[in-house]
Amino acid sequence: MHAWIVDRPGPIATGPLRRIERAEPLPGPRQVRVRVSCCGVCRTDLHLAEGDLPPRRHGVTPGHEIVGRVDALGPGAARFAPGQRIGIPWLGGTDGTCRYCRRGAENLCLAPTFTGWDVDGGYADSAVVDEAFAFALPDAIDDEQAAPLLCAGIIGYRALRAADVPPGGRLGIYGFGGSAHLTAQVALAQGAEVHVMTRGERARELALSLGAASAQGAADRPPVPLDAAILFAPVGDLVLPALEALDRGGTLAIAGIYLSDIPVLNYERHLFQERQVRSVTSNTRTDAREFLAFAGQRHIDVTSPQYPLGRADDALSDLSEGRIAGAAVLLV
């Protein structure tokens, strides 16, 4: 089968990905194999390729927003039937026994595995997954629309909850890529007033077209004080203007798995009056089920530029250079 691997992590312009031929994977106990239809292109894939996230093993296949149909069952697998359409997300497994798993916080598991980081992901013709960590997908959503929901959507949903937006409150979104443009729509559907700060003109246009009340530059001050904010851009420098834009008691949720260094904070300007900062780490399966149910009941407009699998490196290059508005998808 065709697959991409992270060969030598480094700047995307140096070609860290390599396309190879390899045998199709065989599903193990309670695993299923999926014939991949499409796979979303996530910024985490870029961090992995460029070495911001050190690869857990050499030659891993990236990709963790996978949509496909089951074509083989491992021993004991019974949750899904052959031919059934399922989604494979970022969280690929937990130990189920640590103190975090036992208290329902499996996103903080002490021994997790992640799709496209620990185990091979969806930049390939086929992928295998522990059946307990895959999801049936709403029939109302087609493959290309569903793929970005499996990480960008789920993580954005968790970040929105972490930001603790009050009913009818003002939410600031910093960075407006794949996850942010989905999260904005969930926030709007829940009655929030959304203000977007992002570097790209196309991204600002997309934000306004989706219903944002305002859109301005990445570090610009929004026109009103914010009750909550979410930082999606992996830029630590933006933590300061985001905190300064918060009203009293506001929360800034940082949604990325990677963030460049945060400059020195000033207590009075950035944190006083009970402003707070929260990080978001992975997601639970409960987050995924809740969000996918929401997406199946309400229309979410997924802006998804499409690339053939053979151009996965181009997709990551375009993502790196800010040339993608929305969430790109590889067609396999």
C-alpha atoms as a PDB file:
ATOM      1  CA  MET A   1       0.000   0.000   0.000  1.00  0.00           C
ATOM      2  CA  HIS A   2       1.000   3.664  -0.355  1.00  0.00           C
ATOM      3  CA  ALA A   3       1.967   5.543   2.818  1.00  0.00           C
ATOM      4  CA  TRP A   4       3.840   8.643   3.908  1.00  0.00           C
ATOM      5  CA  ILE A   5       6.297   8.495   6.816  1.00  0.00           C
ATOM      6  CA  VAL A   6       8.178  11.094   8.829  1.00  0.00           C
ATOM      7  CA  ASP A   7      11.712  10.297   7.729  1.00  0.00           C
ATOM      8  CA  ARG A   8      13.921  13.127   8.990  1.00  0.00           C
ATOM      9  CA  PRO A   9      12.017  15.736  11.017  1.00  0.00           C
ATOM     10  CA  GLY A  10      12.829  19.294  10.048  1.00  0.00           C
ATOM     11  CA  PRO A  11      11.391  22.393   8.369  1.00  0.00           C
ATOM     12  CA  ILE A  12       8.739  21.353   5.890  1.00  0.00           C
ATOM     13  CA  ALA A  13      10.740  22.933   3.059  1.00  0.00           C
ATOM     14  CA  THR A  14      13.481  20.333   3.660  1.00  0.00           C
ATOM     15  CA  GLY A  15      11.145  17.443   2.842  1.00  0.00           C
ATOM     16  CA  PRO A  16      10.794  15.590   6.165  1.00  0.00           C
ATOM     17  CA  LEU A  17       8.075  13.331   4.720  1.00  0.00           C
ATOM     18  CA  ARG A  18       8.854  10.410   2.430  1.00  0.00           C
ATOM     19  CA  ARG A  19       6.393   8.334   0.412  1.00  0.00           C
ATOM     20  CA  ILE A  20       6.891   4.576   0.609  1.00  0.00           C
ATOM     21  CA  GLU A  21       5.302   1.246  -0.279  1.00  0.00           C
ATOM     22  CA  ARG A  22       4.625  -1.129   2.605  1.00  0.00           C
ATOM     23  CA  ALA A  23       2.515  -4.185   3.382  1.00  0.00           C
ATOM     24  CA  GLU A  24      -1.020  -3.592   4.563  1.00  0.00           C
ATOM     25  CA  PRO A  25      -1.275  -3.715   8.366  1.00  0.00           C
ATOM     26  CA  LEU A  26      -2.989  -6.676  10.015  1.00  0.00           C
ATOM     27  CA  PRO A  27      -5.421  -5.930  12.844  1.00  0.00           C
ATOM     28  CA  GLY A  28      -4.494  -7.357  16.233  1.00  0.00           C
ATOM     29  CA  PRO A  29      -6.809  -8.422  19.059  1.00  0.00           C
ATOM     30  CA  ARG A  30      -9.874  -6.158  19.272  1.00  0.00           C
ATOM     31  CA  GLN A  31      -8.556  -4.025  16.427  1.00  0.00           C
ATOM     32  CA  VAL A  32     -10.155  -3.251  13.083  1.00  0.00           C
ATOM     33  CA  ARG A  33      -8.511  -2.307   9.820  1.00  0.00           C
ATOM     34  CA  VAL A  34      -9.969   0.579   7.876  1.00  0.00           C
ATOM     35  CA  ARG A  35      -9.654   1.237   4.159  1.00  0.00           C
ATOM     36  CA  VAL A  36      -9.002   4.961   4.329  1.00  0.00           C
ATOM     37  CA  SER A  37     -11.294   7.232   2.330  1.00  0.00           C
ATOM     38  CA  CYS A  38      -9.805  10.517   3.486  1.00  0.00           C
ATOM     39  CA  CYS A  39      -7.684  11.973   6.255  1.00  0.00           C
ATOM     40  CA  GLY A  40      -7.697  15.484   7.630  1.00  0.00           C
ATOM     41  CA  VAL A  41      -4.511  17.550   7.664  1.00  0.00           C
ATOM     42  CA  CYS A  42      -3.942  18.840  11.193  1.00  0.00           C
ATOM     43  CA  ARG A  43      -1.375  21.307  12.506  1.00  0.00           C
ATOM     44  CA  THR A  44      -0.209  18.539  14.843  1.00  0.00           C
ATOM     45  CA  ASP A  45       0.934  16.634  11.727  1.00  0.00           C
ATOM     46  CA  LEU A  46       3.037  19.654  10.820  1.00  0.00           C
ATOM     47  CA  HIS A  47       4.530  19.835  14.329  1.00  0.00           C
ATOM     48  CA  LEU A  48       5.423  16.146  14.050  1.00  0.00           C
ATOM     49  CA  ALA A  49       6.996  16.514  10.606  1.00  0.00           C
ATOM     50  CA  GLU A  50       9.030  19.537  11.663  1.00  0.00           C
ATOM     51  CA  GLY A  51      10.180  18.049  14.965  1.00  0.00           C
ATOM     52  CA  ASP A  52       8.294  20.343  17.338  1.00  0.00           C
ATOM     53  CA  LEU A  53       6.789  17.057  18.530  1.00  0.00           C
ATOM     54  CA  PRO A  54       9.653  14.552  18.603  1.00  0.00           C
ATOM     55  CA  PRO A  55       8.540  11.366  16.801  1.00  0.00           C
ATOM     56  CA  ARG A  56       7.897   8.481  19.206  1.00  0.00           C
ATOM     57  CA  ARG A  57       9.452   6.156  16.630  1.00  0.00           C
ATOM     58  CA  HIS A  58      11.210   6.523  13.306  1.00  0.00           C
ATOM     59  CA  GLY A  59       9.120   6.208  10.188  1.00  0.00           C
ATOM     60  CA  VAL A  60       5.695   6.761  11.717  1.00  0.00           C
ATOM     61  CA  THR A  61       2.847   7.561   9.332  1.00  0.00           C
ATOM     62  CA  PRO A  62       1.096  10.779  10.394  1.00  0.00           C
ATOM     63  CA  GLY A  63      -2.602  11.557  10.247  1.00  0.00           C
ATOM     64  CA  HIS A  64      -5.285  11.255  12.917  1.00  0.00           C
ATOM     65  CA  GLU A  65      -8.509  12.522  11.358  1.00  0.00           C
ATOM     66  CA  ILE A  66      -9.287   9.327   9.484  1.00  0.00           C
ATOM     67  CA  VAL A  67     -12.524   8.328   7.768  1.00  0.00           C
ATOM     68  CA  GLY A  68     -12.898   4.958   6.121  1.00  0.00           C
ATOM     69  CA  ARG A  69     -14.704   1.652   6.006  1.00  0.00           C
ATOM     70  CA  VAL A  70     -13.870  -1.434   8.028  1.00  0.00           C
ATOM     71  CA  ASP A  71     -12.364  -4.134   5.817  1.00  0.00           C
ATOM     72  CA  ALA A  72     -10.834  -6.554   8.348  1.00  0.00           C
ATOM     73  CA  LEU A  73     -11.496  -7.565  11.955  1.00  0.00           C
ATOM     74  CA  GLY A  74      -8.872  -8.704  14.436  1.00  0.00           C
ATOM     75  CA  PRO A  75      -9.478 -11.516  16.947  1.00  0.00           C
ATOM     76  CA  GLY A  76     -12.308 -10.615  19.310  1.00  0.00           C
ATOM     77  CA  ALA A  77     -13.322  -7.450  17.465  1.00  0.00           C
ATOM     78  CA  ALA A  78     -17.111  -7.169  17.371  1.00  0.00           C
ATOM     79  CA  ARG A  79     -18.033  -3.501  17.759  1.00  0.00           C
ATOM     80  CA  PHE A  80     -18.107  -2.692  14.038  1.00  0.00           C
ATOM     81  CA  ALA A  81     -19.163  -4.711  11.019  1.00  0.00           C
ATOM     82  CA  PRO A  82     -17.181  -5.106   7.776  1.00  0.00           C
ATOM     83  CA  GLY A  83     -18.110  -2.280   5.432  1.00  0.00           C
ATOM     84  CA  GLN A  84     -19.197   0.051   8.236  1.00  0.00           C
ATOM     85  CA  ARG A  85     -17.980   3.657   8.014  1.00  0.00           C
ATOM     86  CA  ILE A  86     -16.053   4.794  11.080  1.00  0.00           C
ATOM     87  CA  GLY A  87     -13.738   7.571  12.187  1.00  0.00           C
ATOM     88  CA  ILE A  88     -10.316   7.221  13.818  1.00  0.00           C
ATOM     89  CA  PRO A  89      -9.276  10.164  16.037  1.00  0.00           C
ATOM     90  CA  TRP A  90      -6.096  11.392  17.753  1.00  0.00           C
ATOM     91  CA  LEU A  91      -6.582   9.460  21.008  1.00  0.00           C
ATOM     92  CA  GLY A  92      -5.700   5.900  20.042  1.00  0.00           C
ATOM     93  CA  GLY A  93      -5.585   4.174  23.424  1.00  0.00           C
ATOM     94  CA  THR A  94      -5.255   4.534  27.197  1.00  0.00           C
ATOM     95  CA  ASP A  95      -4.190   2.159  29.944  1.00  0.00           C
ATOM     96  CA  GLY A  96      -7.643   2.371  31.565  1.00  0.00           C
ATOM     97  CA  THR A  97      -6.147   1.760  35.005  1.00  0.00           C
ATOM     98  CA  CYS A  98      -4.199   4.869  36.045  1.00  0.00           C
ATOM     99  CA  ARG A  99      -5.692   7.347  38.516  1.00  0.00           C
ATOM    100  CA  TYR A 100      -6.689   9.708  35.695  1.00  0.00           C
ATOM    101  CA  CYS A 101      -8.518   7.072  33.681  1.00  0.00           C
ATOM    102  CA  ARG A 102     -10.297   5.854  36.817  1.00  0.00           C
ATOM    103  CA  ARG A 103     -11.638   9.329  37.537  1.00  0.00           C
ATOM    104  CA  GLY A 104     -12.863   9.919  33.966  1.00  0.00           C
ATOM    105  CA  ALA A 105      -9.940  12.074  32.814  1.00  0.00           C
ATOM    106  CA  GLU A 106      -8.521   9.663  30.248  1.00  0.00           C
ATOM    107  CA  ASN A 107      -7.126  12.605  28.263  1.00  0.00           C
ATOM    108  CA  LEU A 108      -4.504  12.812  31.043  1.00  0.00           C
ATOM    109  CA  CYS A 109      -3.712   9.075  30.998  1.00  0.00           C
ATOM    110  CA  LEU A 110      -0.191   8.224  32.124  1.00  0.00           C
ATOM    111  CA  ALA A 111       0.345   5.764  29.258  1.00  0.00           C
ATOM    112  CA  PRO A 112      -1.700   6.903  26.250  1.00  0.00           C
ATOM    113  CA  THR A 113      -1.145   6.129  22.593  1.00  0.00           C
ATOM    114  CA  PHE A 114      -1.908   8.581  19.819  1.00  0.00           C
ATOM    115  CA  THR A 115      -2.815   7.933  16.214  1.00  0.00           C
ATOM    116  CA  GLY A 116      -0.176   9.200  13.809  1.00  0.00           C
ATOM    117  CA  TRP A 117       2.374   9.663  16.610  1.00  0.00           C
ATOM    118  CA  ASP A 118       2.734   6.370  18.487  1.00  0.00           C
ATOM    119  CA  VAL A 119       0.948   4.230  15.883  1.00  0.00           C
ATOM    120  CA  ASP A 120       0.658   4.692  12.136  1.00  0.00           C
ATOM    121  CA  GLY A 121      -2.042   7.073  11.001  1.00  0.00           C
ATOM    122  CA  GLY A 122      -4.074   7.939   7.964  1.00  0.00           C
ATOM    123  CA  TYR A 123      -1.607   9.332   5.427  1.00  0.00           C
ATOM    124  CA  ALA A 124      -1.899   5.871   3.875  1.00  0.00           C
ATOM    125  CA  ASP A 125      -4.280   3.511   2.099  1.00  0.00           C
ATOM    126  CA  SER A 126      -5.128   1.584   5.293  1.00  0.00           C
ATOM    127  CA  ALA A 127      -4.909   2.000   9.057  1.00  0.00           C
ATOM    128  CA  VAL A 128      -5.699  -0.104  12.117  1.00  0.00           C
ATOM    129  CA  VAL A 129      -7.315   1.061  15.353  1.00  0.00           C
ATOM    130  CA  ASP A 130      -8.388  -0.319  18.706  1.00  0.00           C
ATOM    131  CA  GLU A 131     -12.125  -0.663  18.166  1.00  0.00           C
ATOM    132  CA  ALA A 132     -12.851   0.958  21.557  1.00  0.00           C
ATOM    133  CA  PHE A 133     -11.306   4.234  20.341  1.00  0.00           C
ATOM    134  CA  ALA A 134     -13.057   4.515  16.969  1.00  0.00           C
ATOM    135  CA  PHE A 135     -16.441   6.112  16.325  1.00  0.00           C
ATOM    136  CA  ALA A 136     -19.424   5.550  14.104  1.00  0.00           C
ATOM    137  CA  LEU A 137     -20.074   8.730  12.112  1.00  0.00           C
ATOM    138  CA  PRO A 138     -23.363  10.597  11.597  1.00  0.00           C
ATOM    139  CA  ASP A 139     -24.945   9.653   8.259  1.00  0.00           C
ATOM    140  CA  ALA A 140     -25.709  13.293   7.511  1.00  0.00           C
ATOM    141  CA  ILE A 141     -22.013  14.180   7.194  1.00  0.00           C
ATOM    142  CA  ASP A 142     -19.991  13.059   4.166  1.00  0.00           C
ATOM    143  CA  ASP A 143     -16.443  11.748   4.411  1.00  0.00           C
ATOM    144  CA  GLU A 144     -14.587  14.957   3.558  1.00  0.00           C
ATOM    145  CA  GLN A 145     -16.700  16.975   5.985  1.00  0.00           C
ATOM    146  CA  ALA A 146     -16.362  14.373   8.739  1.00  0.00           C
ATOM    147  CA  ALA A 147     -12.566  14.031   8.731  1.00  0.00           C
ATOM    148  CA  PRO A 148     -11.691  17.421  10.305  1.00  0.00           C
ATOM    149  CA  LEU A 149     -14.313  16.868  12.992  1.00  0.00           C
ATOM    150  CA  LEU A 150     -12.261  13.976  14.410  1.00  0.00           C
ATOM    151  CA  CYS A 151      -9.557  16.204  15.894  1.00  0.00           C
ATOM    152  CA  ALA A 152     -10.051  19.834  14.938  1.00  0.00           C
ATOM    153  CA  GLY A 153     -13.701  19.642  15.892  1.00  0.00           C
ATOM    154  CA  ILE A 154     -13.327  17.555  19.044  1.00  0.00           C
ATOM    155  CA  ILE A 155     -10.374  19.524  20.434  1.00  0.00           C
ATOM    156  CA  GLY A 156     -12.115  22.800  19.645  1.00  0.00           C
ATOM    157  CA  TYR A 157     -15.189  21.554  21.474  1.00  0.00           C
ATOM    158  CA  ARG A 158     -13.125  20.703  24.558  1.00  0.00           C
ATOM    159  CA  ALA A 159     -11.331  24.072  24.366  1.00  0.00           C
ATOM    160  CA  LEU A 160     -14.667  25.864  24.176  1.00  0.00           C
ATOM    161  CA  ARG A 161     -15.807  24.099  27.333  1.00  0.00           C
ATOM    162  CA  ALA A 162     -12.505  24.938  29.049  1.00  0.00           C
ATOM    163  CA  ALA A 163     -12.897  28.614  28.138  1.00  0.00           C
ATOM    164  CA  ASP A 164     -16.139  28.681  30.163  1.00  0.00           C
ATOM    165  CA  VAL A 165     -18.007  31.213  28.027  1.00  0.00           C
ATOM    166  CA  PRO A 166     -20.992  32.577  29.983  1.00  0.00           C
ATOM    167  CA  PRO A 167     -24.435  32.434  28.305  1.00  0.00           C
ATOM    168  CA  GLY A 168     -24.515  35.082  25.588  1.00  0.00           C
ATOM    169  CA  GLY A 169     -20.894  35.951  26.352  1.00  0.00           C
ATOM    170  CA  ARG A 170     -18.155  37.403  24.170  1.00  0.00           C
ATOM    171  CA  LEU A 171     -15.596  34.882  22.926  1.00  0.00           C
ATOM    172  CA  GLY A 172     -12.286  35.791  21.329  1.00  0.00           C
ATOM    173  CA  ILE A 173     -10.610  33.315  18.987  1.00  0.00           C
ATOM    174  CA  TYR A 174      -6.905  33.755  18.237  1.00  0.00           C
ATOM    175  CA  GLY A 175      -5.873  32.005  15.035  1.00  0.00           C
ATOM    176  CA  PHE A 176      -8.521  30.844  12.589  1.00  0.00           C
ATOM    177  CA  GLY A 177      -7.589  27.579  10.958  1.00  0.00           C
ATOM    178  CA  GLY A 178      -9.126  24.128  10.897  1.00  0.00           C
ATOM    179  CA  SER A 179     -10.140  23.842  14.549  1.00  0.00           C
ATOM    180  CA  ALA A 180     -11.063  27.475  15.091  1.00  0.00           C
ATOM    181  CA  HIS A 181     -13.490  27.747  12.177  1.00  0.00           C
ATOM    182  CA  LEU A 182     -15.425  24.754  13.532  1.00  0.00           C
ATOM    183  CA  THR A 183     -15.340  25.943  17.138  1.00  0.00           C
ATOM    184  CA  ALA A 184     -16.625  29.362  16.146  1.00  0.00           C
ATOM    185  CA  GLN A 185     -19.729  27.765  14.665  1.00  0.00           C
ATOM    186  CA  VAL A 186     -20.391  25.734  17.813  1.00  0.00           C
ATOM    187  CA  ALA A 187     -19.990  28.880  19.938  1.00  0.00           C
ATOM    188  CA  LEU A 188     -22.328  30.857  17.685  1.00  0.00           C
ATOM    189  CA  ALA A 189     -24.906  28.069  17.824  1.00  0.00           C
ATOM    190  CA  GLN A 190     -24.721  28.252  21.613  1.00  0.00           C
ATOM    191  CA  GLY A 191     -25.413  31.991  21.561  1.00  0.00           C
ATOM    192  CA  ALA A 192     -21.931  33.460  21.983  1.00  0.00           C
ATOM    193  CA  GLU A 193     -20.712  36.640  20.278  1.00  0.00           C
ATOM    194  CA  VAL A 194     -17.484  35.715  18.495  1.00  0.00           C
ATOM    195  CA  HIS A 195     -14.519  37.992  17.726  1.00  0.00           C
ATOM    196  CA  VAL A 196     -11.618  36.642  15.680  1.00  0.00           C
ATOM    197  CA  MET A 197      -7.972  37.694  15.710  1.00  0.00           C
ATOM    198  CA  THR A 198      -5.861  36.104  12.977  1.00  0.00           C
ATOM    199  CA  ARG A 199      -3.075  36.949  10.554  1.00  0.00           C
ATOM    200  CA  GLY A 200      -4.597  35.935   7.221  1.00  0.00           C
ATOM    201  CA  GLU A 201      -6.990  38.032   5.177  1.00  0.00           C
ATOM    202  CA  ARG A 202      -8.710  34.917   3.792  1.00  0.00           C
ATOM    203  CA  ALA A 203      -9.155  33.582   7.328  1.00  0.00           C
ATOM    204  CA  ARG A 204     -10.703  36.889   8.433  1.00  0.00           C
ATOM    205  CA  GLU A 205     -13.088  36.784   5.490  1.00  0.00           C
ATOM    206  CA  LEU A 206     -14.061  33.226   6.389  1.00  0.00           C
ATOM    207  CA  ALA A 207     -14.674  34.230  10.005  1.00  0.00           C
ATOM    208  CA  LEU A 208     -17.009  37.031   9.002  1.00  0.00           C
ATOM    209  CA  SER A 209     -18.836  34.833   6.522  1.00  0.00           C
ATOM    210  CA  LEU A 210     -19.527  32.317   9.302  1.00  0.00           C
ATOM    211  CA  GLY A 211     -21.037  34.967  11.549  1.00  0.00           C
ATOM    212  CA  ALA A 212     -18.198  36.449  13.611  1.00  0.00           C
ATOM    213  CA  ALA A 213     -18.996  39.901  14.957  1.00  0.00           C
ATOM    214  CA  SER A 214     -15.515  41.169  14.072  1.00  0.00           C
ATOM    215  CA  ALA A 215     -12.231  39.998  12.582  1.00  0.00           C
ATOM    216  CA  GLN A 216      -8.878  41.748  12.932  1.00  0.00           C
ATOM    217  CA  GLY A 217      -5.129  41.130  13.024  1.00  0.00           C
ATOM    218  CA  ALA A 218      -3.619  38.419  15.194  1.00  0.00           C
ATOM    219  CA  ALA A 219      -2.485  40.719  18.022  1.00  0.00           C
ATOM    220  CA  ASP A 220      -5.081  43.478  17.555  1.00  0.00           C
ATOM    221  CA  ARG A 221      -7.397  44.482  20.361  1.00  0.00           C
ATOM    222  CA  PRO A 222     -10.969  43.265  19.810  1.00  0.00           C
ATOM    223  CA  PRO A 223     -13.626  46.001  19.772  1.00  0.00           C
ATOM    224  CA  VAL A 224     -15.116  44.839  23.093  1.00  0.00           C
ATOM    225  CA  PRO A 225     -13.762  43.248  26.290  1.00  0.00           C
ATOM    226  CA  LEU A 226     -13.901  39.434  26.113  1.00  0.00           C
ATOM    227  CA  ASP A 227     -15.534  37.096  28.598  1.00  0.00           C
ATOM    228  CA  ALA A 228     -13.419  34.202  27.327  1.00  0.00           C
ATOM    229  CA  ALA A 229     -10.820  33.438  24.682  1.00  0.00           C
ATOM    230  CA  ILE A 230      -9.271  30.449  22.948  1.00  0.00           C
ATOM    231  CA  LEU A 231      -5.760  30.498  21.512  1.00  0.00           C
ATOM    232  CA  PHE A 232      -5.433  28.145  18.532  1.00  0.00           C
ATOM    233  CA  ALA A 233      -2.341  29.691  16.920  1.00  0.00           C
ATOM    234  CA  PRO A 234       0.849  28.035  18.286  1.00  0.00           C
ATOM    235  CA  VAL A 235       2.327  31.449  19.086  1.00  0.00           C
ATOM    236  CA  GLY A 236       3.224  32.154  22.693  1.00  0.00           C
ATOM    237  CA  ASP A 237       3.510  35.899  22.012  1.00  0.00           C
ATOM    238  CA  LEU A 238      -0.275  36.002  21.556  1.00  0.00           C
ATOM    239  CA  VAL A 239      -0.941  34.934  25.143  1.00  0.00           C
ATOM    240  CA  LEU A 240      -0.279  38.483  26.347  1.00  0.00           C
ATOM    241  CA  PRO A 241      -2.686  40.365  24.041  1.00  0.00           C
ATOM    242  CA  ALA A 242      -5.286  37.652  24.602  1.00  0.00           C
ATOM    243  CA  LEU A 243      -5.084  38.076  28.375  1.00  0.00           C
ATOM    244  CA  GLU A 244      -5.148  41.866  28.060  1.00  0.00           C
ATOM    245  CA  ALA A 245      -8.360  41.577  26.029  1.00  0.00           C
ATOM    246  CA  LEU A 246     -10.123  39.580  28.749  1.00  0.00           C
ATOM    247  CA  ASP A 247     -12.649  41.242  31.002  1.00  0.00           C
ATOM    248  CA  ARG A 248     -12.695  40.541  34.745  1.00  0.00           C
ATOM    249  CA  GLY A 249     -12.975  36.845  35.534  1.00  0.00           C
ATOM    250  CA  GLY A 250     -12.265  35.800  31.942  1.00  0.00           C
ATOM    251  CA  THR A 251     -10.534  32.564  30.951  1.00  0.00           C
ATOM    252  CA  LEU A 252      -8.012  31.975  28.178  1.00  0.00           C
ATOM    253  CA  ALA A 253      -7.928  28.350  26.973  1.00  0.00           C
ATOM    254  CA  ILE A 254      -4.852  27.287  24.984  1.00  0.00           C
ATOM    255  CA  ALA A 255      -5.895  24.577  22.557  1.00  0.00           C
ATOM    256  CA  GLY A 256      -2.680  23.467  20.855  1.00  0.00           C
ATOM    257  CA  ILE A 257      -0.384  20.555  21.633  1.00  0.00           C
ATOM    258  CA  TYR A 258       2.587  22.847  20.961  1.00  0.00           C
ATOM    259  CA  LEU A 259       3.166  26.513  21.795  1.00  0.00           C
ATOM    260  CA  SER A 260       6.238  28.684  21.362  1.00  0.00           C
ATOM    261  CA  ASP A 261       7.596  30.327  24.510  1.00  0.00           C
ATOM    262  CA  ILE A 262       5.307  32.741  26.370  1.00  0.00           C
ATOM    263  CA  PRO A 263       6.846  36.134  27.192  1.00  0.00           C
ATOM    264  CA  VAL A 264       7.007  37.346  30.786  1.00  0.00           C
ATOM    265  CA  LEU A 265       3.574  38.138  32.208  1.00  0.00           C
ATOM    266  CA  ASN A 266       2.736  41.227  34.223  1.00  0.00           C
ATOM    267  CA  TYR A 267       0.452  40.257  37.075  1.00  0.00           C
ATOM    268  CA  GLU A 268      -1.637  43.438  37.097  1.00  0.00           C
ATOM    269  CA  ARG A 269      -2.045  43.706  33.303  1.00  0.00           C
ATOM    270  CA  HIS A 270      -2.527  40.046  32.486  1.00  0.00           C
ATOM    271  CA  LEU A 271      -3.826  38.060  35.477  1.00  0.00           C
ATOM    272  CA  PHE A 272      -5.279  40.323  38.159  1.00  0.00           C
ATOM    273  CA  GLN A 273      -9.073  40.480  38.585  1.00  0.00           C
ATOM    274  CA  GLU A 274      -9.290  36.697  38.416  1.00  0.00           C
ATOM    275  CA  ARG A 275      -8.245  36.224  34.811  1.00  0.00           C
ATOM    276  CA  GLN A 276      -6.927  32.727  34.263  1.00  0.00           C
ATOM    277  CA  VAL A 277      -5.114  30.563  31.741  1.00  0.00           C
ATOM    278  CA  ARG A 278      -5.988  26.921  31.056  1.00  0.00           C
ATOM    279  CA  SER A 279      -4.333  24.396  28.775  1.00  0.00           C
ATOM    280  CA  VAL A 280      -6.206  21.745  26.834  1.00  0.00           C
ATOM    281  CA  THR A 281      -4.711  18.261  26.617  1.00  0.00           C
ATOM    282  CA  SER A 282      -6.098  15.789  24.094  1.00  0.00           C
ATOM    283  CA  ASN A 283      -9.715  14.761  24.629  1.00  0.00           C
ATOM    284  CA  THR A 284     -11.832  12.055  26.187  1.00  0.00           C
ATOM    285  CA  ARG A 285     -14.093   9.706  24.283  1.00  0.00           C
ATOM    286  CA  THR A 286     -16.997  11.441  25.992  1.00  0.00           C
ATOM    287  CA  ASP A 287     -15.906  14.724  24.363  1.00  0.00           C
ATOM    288  CA  ALA A 288     -15.872  12.964  21.000  1.00  0.00           C
ATOM    289  CA  ARG A 289     -19.295  11.388  21.391  1.00  0.00           C
ATOM    290  CA  GLU A 290     -20.864  14.663  22.545  1.00  0.00           C
ATOM    291  CA  PHE A 291     -19.343  16.686  19.739  1.00  0.00           C
ATOM    292  CA  LEU A 292     -20.128  14.181  16.973  1.00  0.00           C
ATOM    293  CA  ALA A 293     -23.735  14.014  18.200  1.00  0.00           C
ATOM    294  CA  PHE A 294     -23.889  17.827  18.093  1.00  0.00           C
ATOM    295  CA  ALA A 295     -22.427  17.859  14.574  1.00  0.00           C
ATOM    296  CA  GLY A 296     -24.938  15.258  13.430  1.00  0.00           C
ATOM    297  CA  GLN A 297     -27.864  17.344  14.666  1.00  0.00           C
ATOM    298  CA  ARG A 298     -26.697  20.789  13.539  1.00  0.00           C
ATOM    299  CA  HIS A 299     -25.135  21.803  10.274  1.00  0.00           C
ATOM    300  CA  ILE A 300     -21.459  22.706  10.626  1.00  0.00           C
ATOM    301  CA  ASP A 301     -19.924  24.232   7.522  1.00  0.00           C
ATOM    302  CA  VAL A 302     -16.546  22.524   7.127  1.00  0.00           C
ATOM    303  CA  THR A 303     -14.290  24.451   4.777  1.00  0.00           C
ATOM    304  CA  SER A 304     -11.996  21.703   3.509  1.00  0.00           C
ATOM    305  CA  PRO A 305      -9.560  22.284   0.648  1.00  0.00           C
ATOM    306  CA  GLN A 306      -8.760  18.873  -0.822  1.00  0.00           C
ATOM    307  CA  TYR A 307      -5.468  17.281  -1.866  1.00  0.00           C
ATOM    308  CA  PRO A 308      -4.750  13.813  -3.258  1.00  0.00           C
ATOM    309  CA  LEU A 309      -2.745  11.548  -0.947  1.00  0.00           C
ATOM    310  CA  GLY A 310       0.273  11.950  -3.216  1.00  0.00           C
ATOM    311  CA  ARG A 311       0.414  15.667  -2.338  1.00  0.00           C
ATOM    312  CA  ALA A 312       0.443  15.316   1.449  1.00  0.00           C
ATOM    313  CA  ASP A 313       3.739  17.193   1.609  1.00  0.00           C
ATOM    314  CA  ASP A 314       2.236  20.079  -0.373  1.00  0.00           C
ATOM    315  CA  ALA A 315      -0.732  20.194   1.993  1.00  0.00           C
ATOM    316  CA  LEU A 316       1.564  20.547   5.005  1.00  0.00           C
ATOM    317  CA  SER A 317       3.616  23.191   3.198  1.00  0.00           C
ATOM    318  CA  ASP A 318       0.479  25.200   2.441  1.00  0.00           C
ATOM    319  CA  LEU A 319      -0.612  24.835   6.075  1.00  0.00           C
ATOM    320  CA  SER A 320       2.789  26.049   7.272  1.00  0.00           C
ATOM    321  CA  GLU A 321       2.653  29.114   5.032  1.00  0.00           C
ATOM    322  CA  GLY A 322      -0.914  30.055   5.972  1.00  0.00           C
ATOM    323  CA  ARG A 323      -2.293  29.328   2.518  1.00  0.00           C
ATOM    324  CA  ILE A 324      -5.166  27.150   3.787  1.00  0.00           C
ATOM    325  CA  ALA A 325      -8.445  28.653   4.960  1.00  0.00           C
ATOM    326  CA  GLY A 326     -10.329  26.022   6.944  1.00  0.00           C
ATOM    327  CA  ALA A 327      -9.238  22.402   7.340  1.00  0.00           C
ATOM    328  CA  ALA A 328      -7.484  20.600   4.484  1.00  0.00           C
ATOM    329  CA  VAL A 329      -8.304  16.968   3.679  1.00  0.00           C
ATOM    330  CA  LEU A 330      -6.289  14.276   1.889  1.00  0.00           C
ATOM    331  CA  LEU A 331      -8.307  12.129  -0.514  1.00  0.00           C
ATOM    332  CA  VAL A 332      -6.962   8.592  -0.361  1.00  0.00           C
END
